[in-house]
Amino acid sequence: MRRSPLLWFDTGTNVLDRLRAKLNTSADTTPDWSGFQTDIYRRATDDQILPALPTNLLALEALAMEVMTEEARGYIVASAGNGDATRGNRDGFNRYRILPRVLAGVDKRSLATSVVGESQLAPMILAPVGVQTLAHPDGELATARAAAHTGITYVHSQAASHSFEEVADAAGSGRRWFQLYWVTDRNVVLSFLDRAKNAGFSSLVLTVDTVVLGWRPADLNRGFLPFLRGIGVRNYTTDPAFMSTIEVARRGDPHAIGEQWLRIFPHAGLNWTDLAWLRDQWKGPILIKGIQHPHDATRSIDEGLDGVIVSNHGGRQIDSGLATIDSLAAIVAAVDDRIPVLIDSGIRTGTDVLKAIALGASAALIGRSFLYGLALAGQAGVEHVIRCTLAELELSMALAGASTPDELTPDHLRRTR
C-alpha cells in the first residue's frame, strides 16, 4: 500500500467529493462524521491508499515537532513555567474513563447542537490561536478554509498573521467568531469590533486570562516574542486606529509597530466594570474565555455575557494551574443552565470532547491538535484533524449508548483517581 503524497487521500478520486456531499447539509440532515472511518477502510481496500497522517491524533505532535522551527516549537508547543499546567490538562482528561451503555438503539445519530443561539454541526469549535504562520505559511487562511469546508466554527485570534478581512474572504460563508484581547486603547478596540462586525464575525470571544503574559521559558530563552518582530500583528497593521498612533515615517518599521503594540498590550487594569462598555459596542453574543472559578462564571452572567469558556490558555499562562476539566463541573453547577459553558485546553481527541460534553459543556474548543495538522499538511491537515476528532466522537458516543450530545451525562464517566 502507499500513502497519499498530497492530502490524506488522493485528490484524483471521488473520496473527497463523497465527503463534501455528506457535509452539504440541509435543515433536516447532518453530516455522517463516522462515515470517514468507512471511507478510510474502503480507500485502502479498493485503491491500496492509506491516510497520509496518523488517525491517532496524539501522534501528531511528534511529527509536527520535526517540521516546525525552534521558534514555532517554543511558541506553539511549550507552556508556562515547566509545563505542569499543560501536562495537568492532559492528565485531567485521562483521569476520566468512559462507561459504555449497551443495546441503546443508536442507529440514528447526530452531533448537531446549538451554542449562544447559533446552530453547530457538532459540539466542537476551532479555538483562537495566534500567529498560525509559525506552523504553516498559509496560517489562519488555511484554518479558516478547513473550518468552512467542514462546517465547523472558526475563532479568529486578534494576534493573527492575517487580518479580519483576509480571513473572511478565505472562510466565505463559514461561521466565524472573533477573539478580542482588550488593549488599553479603546479606539483600537472599537475599530477591531467594527471591522469584525463588518467582516461577518457573528460572536465575540473576550479572552481575560492574559491581562499580563505568563512566564514562558521556551520563548524567554530564545528572546522570542513574535509581535515585537512584526509577526502576528496583521490585524493591527491593517487597522487605521492603531496605525494612526505611529509616526507616518515609521509605519513600515516592524520595530516601531512592535513597540507600539507593547504599549497597549497587555491590559492589567482591565476589570468587571469595563464590560458594560463592551456590551454597548457589540450587539451579538459575547463569550468570556479564561474562566476557572465558579464565582467568575456567575459574575459573567450578572454582567450580561452570553457564555463562558473554561480555559487555562492551554497551560500557557500559569504553571501548576488547575486542569480545565477539573474546573468544569463546579462551573457548570454554578451557571445552572443560564448560559452555555464551553471548555478548551487539553482537548486532543474525540473522546476528550465526549468527556467534556458529558460533564456539562455545550461545546469543546480544540487548539494544538489542529495546529499540528496545519504544520504537517496545511488546510488538508486541519481538515484531517477535524474529521478524525468528530468521527471518533460520534462512534464513541454511540458505543456509550447516546445518539446525541444531549444524552451524554456524568453517568457515562468514572473518575479513576
Protein backbone atom coordinates (compact mmCIF):
# COMPACT_ATOMS: atom_id res chain seq x y z
CA MET A 1 0.00 0.00 0.00
CA ARG A 2 1.07 3.60 -0.50
CA ARG A 3 0.27 6.81 1.31
CA SER A 4 -1.17 9.87 -0.37
CA PRO A 5 1.54 12.49 -1.06
CA LEU A 6 -0.83 15.47 -1.07
CA LEU A 7 -3.89 15.12 1.11
CA TRP A 8 -4.60 12.27 3.44
CA PHE A 9 -6.35 10.82 0.38
CA ASP A 10 -5.50 11.27 -3.29
CA THR A 11 -7.35 14.24 -4.77
CA GLY A 12 -7.88 12.40 -8.05
CA THR A 13 -10.53 10.09 -6.60
CA ASN A 14 -14.11 10.76 -5.60
CA VAL A 15 -13.46 10.22 -1.87
CA LEU A 16 -13.30 13.93 -1.08
CA ASP A 17 -16.35 14.52 -3.26
CA ARG A 18 -18.24 11.97 -1.21
CA LEU A 19 -17.14 13.69 1.99
CA ARG A 20 -18.19 17.08 0.65
CA ALA A 21 -21.59 15.68 -0.30
CA LYS A 22 -22.07 14.44 3.24
CA LEU A 23 -21.31 17.93 4.54
CA ASN A 24 -23.79 19.57 2.16
CA THR A 25 -26.42 19.60 4.86
CA SER A 26 -29.96 20.89 4.96
CA ALA A 27 -32.21 21.68 7.90
CA ASP A 28 -33.14 18.03 8.44
CA THR A 29 -29.81 16.32 7.72
CA THR A 30 -26.46 16.35 9.47
CA PRO A 31 -23.04 15.08 8.41
CA ASP A 32 -22.20 11.41 8.75
CA TRP A 33 -18.98 12.08 10.62
CA SER A 34 -18.42 8.42 11.42
CA GLY A 35 -18.54 7.63 7.70
CA PHE A 36 -14.99 8.96 7.50
CA GLN A 37 -13.90 5.69 9.09
CA THR A 38 -15.61 3.65 6.38
CA ASP A 39 -14.09 5.82 3.66
CA ILE A 40 -10.61 5.13 5.02
CA TYR A 41 -11.18 1.38 5.01
CA ARG A 42 -12.73 1.43 1.53
CA ARG A 43 -9.95 3.56 0.07
CA ALA A 44 -7.31 1.22 1.47
CA THR A 45 -9.19 -1.86 0.20
CA ASP A 46 -10.14 -0.57 -3.25
CA ASP A 47 -7.14 1.59 -4.14
CA GLN A 48 -4.41 0.48 -1.74
CA ILE A 49 -4.01 4.03 -0.40
CA LEU A 50 -3.58 4.79 3.31
CA PRO A 51 -4.10 8.07 5.18
CA ALA A 52 -1.07 10.35 4.89
CA LEU A 53 -1.38 11.47 8.52
CA PRO A 54 -1.98 9.34 11.62
CA THR A 55 -5.56 8.83 12.70
CA ASN A 56 -4.30 8.66 16.29
CA LEU A 57 -4.25 12.40 16.87
CA LEU A 58 -1.92 12.13 19.86
CA ALA A 59 0.77 11.02 17.41
CA LEU A 60 0.65 14.31 15.51
CA GLU A 61 2.69 16.35 17.99
CA ALA A 62 5.91 14.39 17.49
CA LEU A 63 5.57 14.62 13.72
CA ALA A 64 4.81 18.34 13.82
CA MET A 65 7.83 18.96 16.03
CA GLU A 66 10.02 17.64 13.21
CA VAL A 67 8.78 20.20 10.68
CA MET A 68 8.44 23.30 12.87
CA THR A 69 11.22 25.78 13.59
CA GLU A 70 12.65 26.21 17.07
CA GLU A 71 10.70 29.44 17.48
CA ALA A 72 7.49 27.75 16.40
CA ARG A 73 8.03 24.81 18.76
CA GLY A 74 8.73 27.19 21.63
CA TYR A 75 5.67 29.32 20.98
CA ILE A 76 3.14 26.63 19.99
CA VAL A 77 4.13 23.56 21.99
CA ALA A 78 5.76 24.91 25.13
CA SER A 79 3.90 26.36 28.10
CA ALA A 80 4.23 28.48 31.21
CA GLY A 81 6.90 27.52 33.74
CA ASN A 82 7.97 23.90 33.49
CA GLY A 83 4.77 22.80 31.75
CA ASP A 84 2.89 21.40 34.75
CA ALA A 85 -0.39 23.02 33.72
CA THR A 86 -0.25 21.69 30.18
CA ARG A 87 0.58 18.17 31.34
CA GLY A 88 -2.09 18.57 34.01
CA ASN A 89 -4.72 19.30 31.37
CA ARG A 90 -3.96 16.00 29.66
CA ASP A 91 -3.76 14.13 32.96
CA GLY A 92 -7.12 15.59 33.92
CA PHE A 93 -8.84 14.16 30.86
CA ASN A 94 -7.07 10.83 31.34
CA ARG A 95 -8.42 10.55 34.89
CA TYR A 96 -11.92 10.17 33.46
CA ARG A 97 -12.92 6.88 31.86
CA ILE A 98 -15.96 6.25 29.67
CA LEU A 99 -18.53 3.75 30.95
CA PRO A 100 -20.39 2.33 27.92
CA ARG A 101 -24.11 1.56 27.88
CA VAL A 102 -25.28 -1.17 25.50
CA LEU A 103 -28.39 -2.01 23.44
CA ALA A 104 -29.39 1.64 23.40
CA GLY A 105 -30.65 1.79 19.80
CA VAL A 106 -28.14 4.26 18.41
CA ASP A 107 -28.61 3.64 14.68
CA LYS A 108 -29.71 7.25 14.11
CA ARG A 109 -27.18 9.72 15.46
CA SER A 110 -26.45 13.42 15.20
CA LEU A 111 -23.75 15.64 16.67
CA ALA A 112 -25.71 18.80 15.84
CA THR A 113 -26.22 21.28 18.66
CA SER A 114 -26.63 24.99 19.36
CA VAL A 115 -24.37 27.42 21.19
CA VAL A 116 -25.37 31.03 22.06
CA GLY A 117 -28.31 30.68 19.68
CA GLU A 118 -26.15 29.59 16.75
CA SER A 119 -26.58 26.15 15.22
CA GLN A 120 -23.45 23.99 15.15
CA LEU A 121 -22.90 20.82 13.14
CA ALA A 122 -21.01 19.39 16.11
CA PRO A 123 -20.16 20.42 19.68
CA MET A 124 -16.62 21.36 18.64
CA ILE A 125 -15.10 24.71 17.65
CA LEU A 126 -11.62 25.67 16.45
CA ALA A 127 -10.09 27.68 19.28
CA PRO A 128 -8.48 31.07 18.72
CA VAL A 129 -4.76 30.55 18.18
CA GLY A 130 -2.39 33.37 17.31
CA VAL A 131 0.47 33.55 14.83
CA GLN A 132 -0.51 30.45 12.88
CA THR A 133 2.07 31.21 10.17
CA LEU A 134 4.61 29.85 12.63
CA ALA A 135 3.08 26.45 11.87
CA HIS A 136 2.43 26.91 8.13
CA PRO A 137 2.84 29.78 5.65
CA ASP A 138 -0.92 29.89 4.95
CA GLY A 139 -1.64 30.20 8.67
CA GLU A 140 -5.16 31.32 9.57
CA LEU A 141 -6.28 31.29 5.93
CA ALA A 142 -5.79 27.52 5.73
CA THR A 143 -7.53 27.01 9.07
CA ALA A 144 -10.49 29.20 8.14
CA ARG A 145 -10.89 27.36 4.84
CA ALA A 146 -10.74 23.99 6.60
CA ALA A 147 -13.35 25.09 9.13
CA ALA A 148 -15.66 26.39 6.42
CA HIS A 149 -15.20 23.28 4.30
CA THR A 150 -16.19 21.02 7.18
CA GLY A 151 -18.88 23.31 8.59
CA ILE A 152 -17.12 23.92 11.91
CA THR A 153 -16.95 27.34 13.57
CA TYR A 154 -13.57 29.09 13.40
CA VAL A 155 -12.47 31.62 16.05
CA HIS A 156 -10.09 34.27 14.74
CA SER A 157 -7.41 35.44 17.13
CA GLN A 158 -6.63 39.12 17.42
CA ALA A 159 -2.96 38.04 17.45
CA ALA A 160 -3.19 36.68 13.93
CA SER A 161 -0.91 36.71 10.93
CA HIS A 162 -3.86 37.52 8.65
CA SER A 163 -6.47 40.23 9.04
CA PHE A 164 -10.20 40.02 9.67
CA GLU A 165 -10.89 40.81 6.04
CA GLU A 166 -8.40 38.28 4.65
CA VAL A 167 -9.80 35.53 6.85
CA ALA A 168 -13.39 36.44 5.99
CA ASP A 169 -12.53 36.15 2.30
CA ALA A 170 -10.93 32.74 2.91
CA ALA A 171 -13.83 31.50 5.03
CA GLY A 172 -16.57 32.62 2.66
CA SER A 173 -19.90 31.65 4.18
CA GLY A 174 -18.28 29.67 7.00
CA ARG A 175 -19.24 30.66 10.54
CA ARG A 176 -16.59 32.68 12.31
CA TRP A 177 -16.17 34.30 15.72
CA PHE A 178 -13.66 36.94 16.79
CA GLN A 179 -11.43 36.66 19.86
CA LEU A 180 -10.69 40.02 21.48
CA TYR A 181 -7.63 40.80 23.57
CA TRP A 182 -8.74 44.06 25.17
CA VAL A 183 -5.89 46.56 24.72
CA THR A 184 -5.56 49.80 26.68
CA ASP A 185 -6.52 52.00 23.69
CA ARG A 186 -10.30 51.88 23.39
CA ASN A 187 -10.18 53.47 19.95
CA VAL A 188 -8.29 50.42 18.72
CA VAL A 189 -10.73 48.09 20.48
CA LEU A 190 -13.67 49.86 18.88
CA SER A 191 -12.04 49.72 15.46
CA PHE A 192 -11.43 45.98 15.84
CA LEU A 193 -15.05 45.42 16.83
CA ASP A 194 -16.34 47.40 13.87
CA ARG A 195 -14.08 45.56 11.44
CA ALA A 196 -15.04 42.18 12.85
CA LYS A 197 -18.73 43.02 12.58
CA ASN A 198 -18.34 44.25 9.00
CA ALA A 199 -16.39 41.12 8.07
CA GLY A 200 -19.18 38.81 9.21
CA PHE A 201 -17.90 37.63 12.58
CA SER A 202 -21.04 36.69 14.49
CA SER A 203 -19.91 36.23 18.10
CA LEU A 204 -17.23 37.80 20.25
CA VAL A 205 -14.86 35.83 22.48
CA LEU A 206 -13.30 38.06 25.14
CA THR A 207 -10.12 36.47 26.48
CA VAL A 208 -9.47 37.62 30.06
CA ASP A 209 -6.70 35.32 31.29
CA THR A 210 -3.93 37.24 29.50
CA VAL A 211 -4.02 40.69 31.10
CA VAL A 212 -0.29 40.05 31.60
CA LEU A 213 1.82 37.50 29.76
CA GLY A 214 2.63 34.35 31.70
CA TRP A 215 6.22 33.27 32.39
CA ARG A 216 7.15 31.23 29.29
CA PRO A 217 10.74 29.97 29.48
CA ALA A 218 10.83 28.45 25.99
CA ASP A 219 10.16 31.89 24.48
CA LEU A 220 12.28 33.71 27.04
CA ASN A 221 15.30 31.51 26.47
CA ARG A 222 15.21 32.42 22.79
CA GLY A 223 14.16 36.03 23.41
CA PHE A 224 11.31 35.36 21.01
CA LEU A 225 8.09 37.38 21.22
CA PRO A 226 6.76 37.35 17.64
CA PHE A 227 4.79 40.59 17.93
CA LEU A 228 7.94 42.60 18.61
CA ARG A 229 9.29 41.28 15.31
CA GLY A 230 6.24 42.26 13.31
CA ILE A 231 4.82 38.72 13.31
CA GLY A 232 1.21 38.04 14.31
CA VAL A 233 0.17 41.72 14.18
CA ARG A 234 -1.68 41.76 10.86
CA ASN A 235 -4.94 42.87 12.47
CA TYR A 236 -3.00 45.80 13.93
CA THR A 237 -1.04 46.82 10.82
CA THR A 238 -4.26 46.88 8.77
CA ASP A 239 -6.09 48.91 11.40
CA PRO A 240 -6.39 52.68 10.91
CA ALA A 241 -6.86 53.42 14.62
CA PHE A 242 -3.72 51.52 15.58
CA MET A 243 -1.57 52.79 12.71
CA SER A 244 -2.58 56.39 13.43
CA THR A 245 -0.70 56.10 16.74
CA ILE A 246 2.61 55.55 14.91
CA GLU A 247 4.57 58.30 13.21
CA VAL A 248 3.94 58.27 9.46
CA ALA A 249 7.62 57.81 8.68
CA ARG A 250 7.86 54.72 10.90
CA ARG A 251 4.68 52.89 9.88
CA GLY A 252 6.62 50.40 7.79
CA ASP A 253 9.09 49.65 10.56
CA PRO A 254 8.38 46.33 12.34
CA HIS A 255 10.27 47.58 15.39
CA ALA A 256 8.05 50.67 15.68
CA ILE A 257 4.95 48.54 15.24
CA GLY A 258 6.13 46.06 17.88
CA GLU A 259 6.94 48.80 20.36
CA GLN A 260 3.52 50.40 19.90
CA TRP A 261 1.87 47.01 20.31
CA LEU A 262 3.76 46.62 23.58
CA ARG A 263 2.50 50.00 24.80
CA ILE A 264 -1.15 48.97 24.56
CA PHE A 265 -0.92 45.24 25.31
CA PRO A 266 -1.37 43.70 27.79
CA HIS A 267 -4.03 45.41 29.90
CA ALA A 268 -3.53 44.60 33.59
CA GLY A 269 -6.08 47.21 34.67
CA LEU A 270 -9.00 45.53 32.91
CA ASN A 271 -11.87 44.80 35.33
CA TRP A 272 -15.52 43.83 35.52
CA THR A 273 -16.76 47.42 35.31
CA ASP A 274 -15.37 47.70 31.77
CA LEU A 275 -17.77 45.07 30.43
CA ALA A 276 -20.78 47.38 30.27
CA TRP A 277 -18.97 49.45 27.63
CA LEU A 278 -18.18 46.33 25.61
CA ARG A 279 -21.77 45.16 25.82
CA ASP A 280 -22.87 48.51 24.39
CA GLN A 281 -20.43 48.25 21.48
CA TRP A 282 -21.09 44.64 20.42
CA LYS A 283 -24.69 43.66 19.79
CA GLY A 284 -24.08 39.98 19.13
CA PRO A 285 -23.28 37.20 21.62
CA ILE A 286 -20.26 37.70 23.88
CA LEU A 287 -18.47 34.75 25.48
CA ILE A 288 -15.81 35.25 28.15
CA LYS A 289 -12.77 32.97 27.86
CA GLY A 290 -10.37 32.09 30.66
CA ILE A 291 -12.89 31.32 33.42
CA GLN A 292 -11.76 28.80 36.05
CA HIS A 293 -13.61 29.88 39.22
CA PRO A 294 -17.38 29.43 39.74
CA HIS A 295 -17.71 32.96 41.16
CA ASP A 296 -16.24 34.42 37.97
CA ALA A 297 -18.72 32.37 35.95
CA THR A 298 -21.72 33.70 37.88
CA ARG A 299 -20.33 37.24 37.75
CA SER A 300 -20.18 36.86 33.97
CA ILE A 301 -23.90 36.18 33.97
CA ASP A 302 -24.52 39.22 36.16
CA GLU A 303 -22.60 41.35 33.66
CA GLY A 304 -24.85 40.24 30.81
CA LEU A 305 -22.45 37.93 28.98
CA ASP A 306 -23.84 35.11 26.87
CA GLY A 307 -21.42 32.25 27.54
CA VAL A 308 -18.30 31.25 29.46
CA ILE A 309 -15.32 29.28 28.21
CA VAL A 310 -13.48 27.32 30.87
CA SER A 311 -9.82 27.66 29.94
CA ASN A 312 -6.32 27.98 31.35
CA HIS A 313 -4.95 29.12 27.99
CA GLY A 314 -3.58 25.68 27.25
CA GLY A 315 -1.34 25.91 30.30
CA ARG A 316 0.46 28.91 28.76
CA GLN A 317 -0.33 31.43 31.49
CA ILE A 318 0.03 29.95 35.00
CA ASP A 319 2.24 26.98 35.72
CA SER A 320 0.68 24.47 38.13
CA GLY A 321 -2.75 25.78 37.21
CA LEU A 322 -5.80 23.59 37.75
CA ALA A 323 -6.71 21.30 34.86
CA THR A 324 -9.67 22.71 32.97
CA ILE A 325 -11.70 19.54 33.20
CA ASP A 326 -11.32 19.70 36.99
CA SER A 327 -12.84 23.20 36.95
CA LEU A 328 -15.70 22.29 34.65
CA ALA A 329 -18.21 20.55 36.91
CA ALA A 330 -18.26 23.29 39.55
CA ILE A 331 -18.70 25.98 36.90
CA VAL A 332 -21.49 24.04 35.19
CA ALA A 333 -23.25 23.72 38.56
CA ALA A 334 -22.84 27.42 39.34
CA VAL A 335 -24.12 28.53 35.94
CA ASP A 336 -27.11 26.18 36.26
CA ASP A 337 -28.09 26.25 32.56
CA ARG A 338 -28.48 30.03 32.47
CA ILE A 339 -25.82 30.41 29.78
CA PRO A 340 -23.75 27.83 27.89
CA VAL A 341 -20.43 26.63 29.29
CA LEU A 342 -17.68 25.74 26.82
CA ILE A 343 -14.21 24.38 27.51
CA ASP A 344 -10.76 24.34 25.97
CA SER A 345 -7.18 23.41 26.98
CA GLY A 346 -6.01 19.81 26.85
CA ILE A 347 -8.53 18.52 24.33
CA ARG A 348 -6.87 16.36 21.68
CA THR A 349 -9.29 13.55 20.73
CA GLY A 350 -12.91 12.76 20.13
CA THR A 351 -13.15 11.00 23.49
CA ASP A 352 -11.85 14.17 25.16
CA VAL A 353 -14.74 16.07 23.59
CA LEU A 354 -17.15 13.35 24.76
CA LYS A 355 -15.91 13.66 28.34
CA ALA A 356 -16.31 17.44 28.29
CA ILE A 357 -19.86 17.21 26.94
CA ALA A 358 -20.77 14.50 29.46
CA LEU A 359 -19.62 16.80 32.28
CA GLY A 360 -21.90 19.57 31.09
CA ALA A 361 -20.02 21.56 28.43
CA SER A 362 -22.06 22.74 25.47
CA ALA A 363 -19.04 22.53 23.19
CA ALA A 364 -15.29 21.97 23.30
CA LEU A 365 -12.60 24.02 21.57
CA ILE A 366 -9.54 22.34 20.07
CA GLY A 367 -6.28 24.22 19.59
CA ARG A 368 -2.92 22.48 19.50
CA SER A 369 -4.24 19.40 17.69
CA PHE A 370 -5.39 21.33 14.64
CA LEU A 371 -2.16 23.36 14.72
CA TYR A 372 -0.19 20.14 14.43
CA GLY A 373 -2.31 19.17 11.43
CA LEU A 374 -1.74 22.63 9.98
CA ALA A 375 2.02 22.30 10.40
CA LEU A 376 2.06 18.93 8.66
CA ALA A 377 -0.33 19.47 5.76
CA GLY A 378 -1.87 22.95 5.75
CA GLN A 379 -5.61 23.08 5.16
CA ALA A 380 -5.76 19.34 4.48
CA GLY A 381 -4.09 18.66 7.82
CA VAL A 382 -6.62 20.77 9.69
CA GLU A 383 -9.49 19.01 7.93
CA HIS A 384 -7.94 15.66 8.80
CA VAL A 385 -7.88 16.60 12.50
CA ILE A 386 -11.48 17.84 12.39
CA ARG A 387 -12.79 14.71 10.70
CA CYS A 388 -10.80 12.30 12.85
CA THR A 389 -11.92 14.04 16.03
CA LEU A 390 -15.59 14.10 15.09
CA ALA A 391 -15.60 10.56 13.68
CA GLU A 392 -14.15 9.29 16.96
CA LEU A 393 -16.61 11.42 18.93
CA GLU A 394 -19.64 10.08 17.07
CA LEU A 395 -18.51 6.46 17.23
CA SER A 396 -17.58 6.71 20.91
CA MET A 397 -20.88 8.42 21.68
CA ALA A 398 -22.73 5.51 20.05
CA LEU A 399 -20.66 2.98 21.99
CA ALA A 400 -21.50 4.88 25.17
CA GLY A 401 -25.19 4.45 24.33
CA ALA A 402 -26.01 8.02 23.27
CA SER A 403 -27.49 9.21 19.98
CA THR A 404 -26.96 12.93 20.55
CA PRO A 405 -24.67 15.08 22.69
CA ASP A 406 -27.62 15.98 24.92
CA GLU A 407 -27.88 12.33 26.01
CA LEU A 408 -24.37 12.32 27.45
CA THR A 409 -24.30 12.76 31.24
CA PRO A 410 -21.79 12.35 34.07
CA ASP A 411 -23.14 8.80 34.46
CA HIS A 412 -21.24 7.93 31.28
CA LEU A 413 -17.96 8.61 33.07
CA ARG A 414 -15.98 7.36 36.03
CA ARG A 415 -13.15 9.33 37.63
CA THR A 416 -10.35 6.89 38.39
CA ARG A 417 -8.22 8.96 40.77
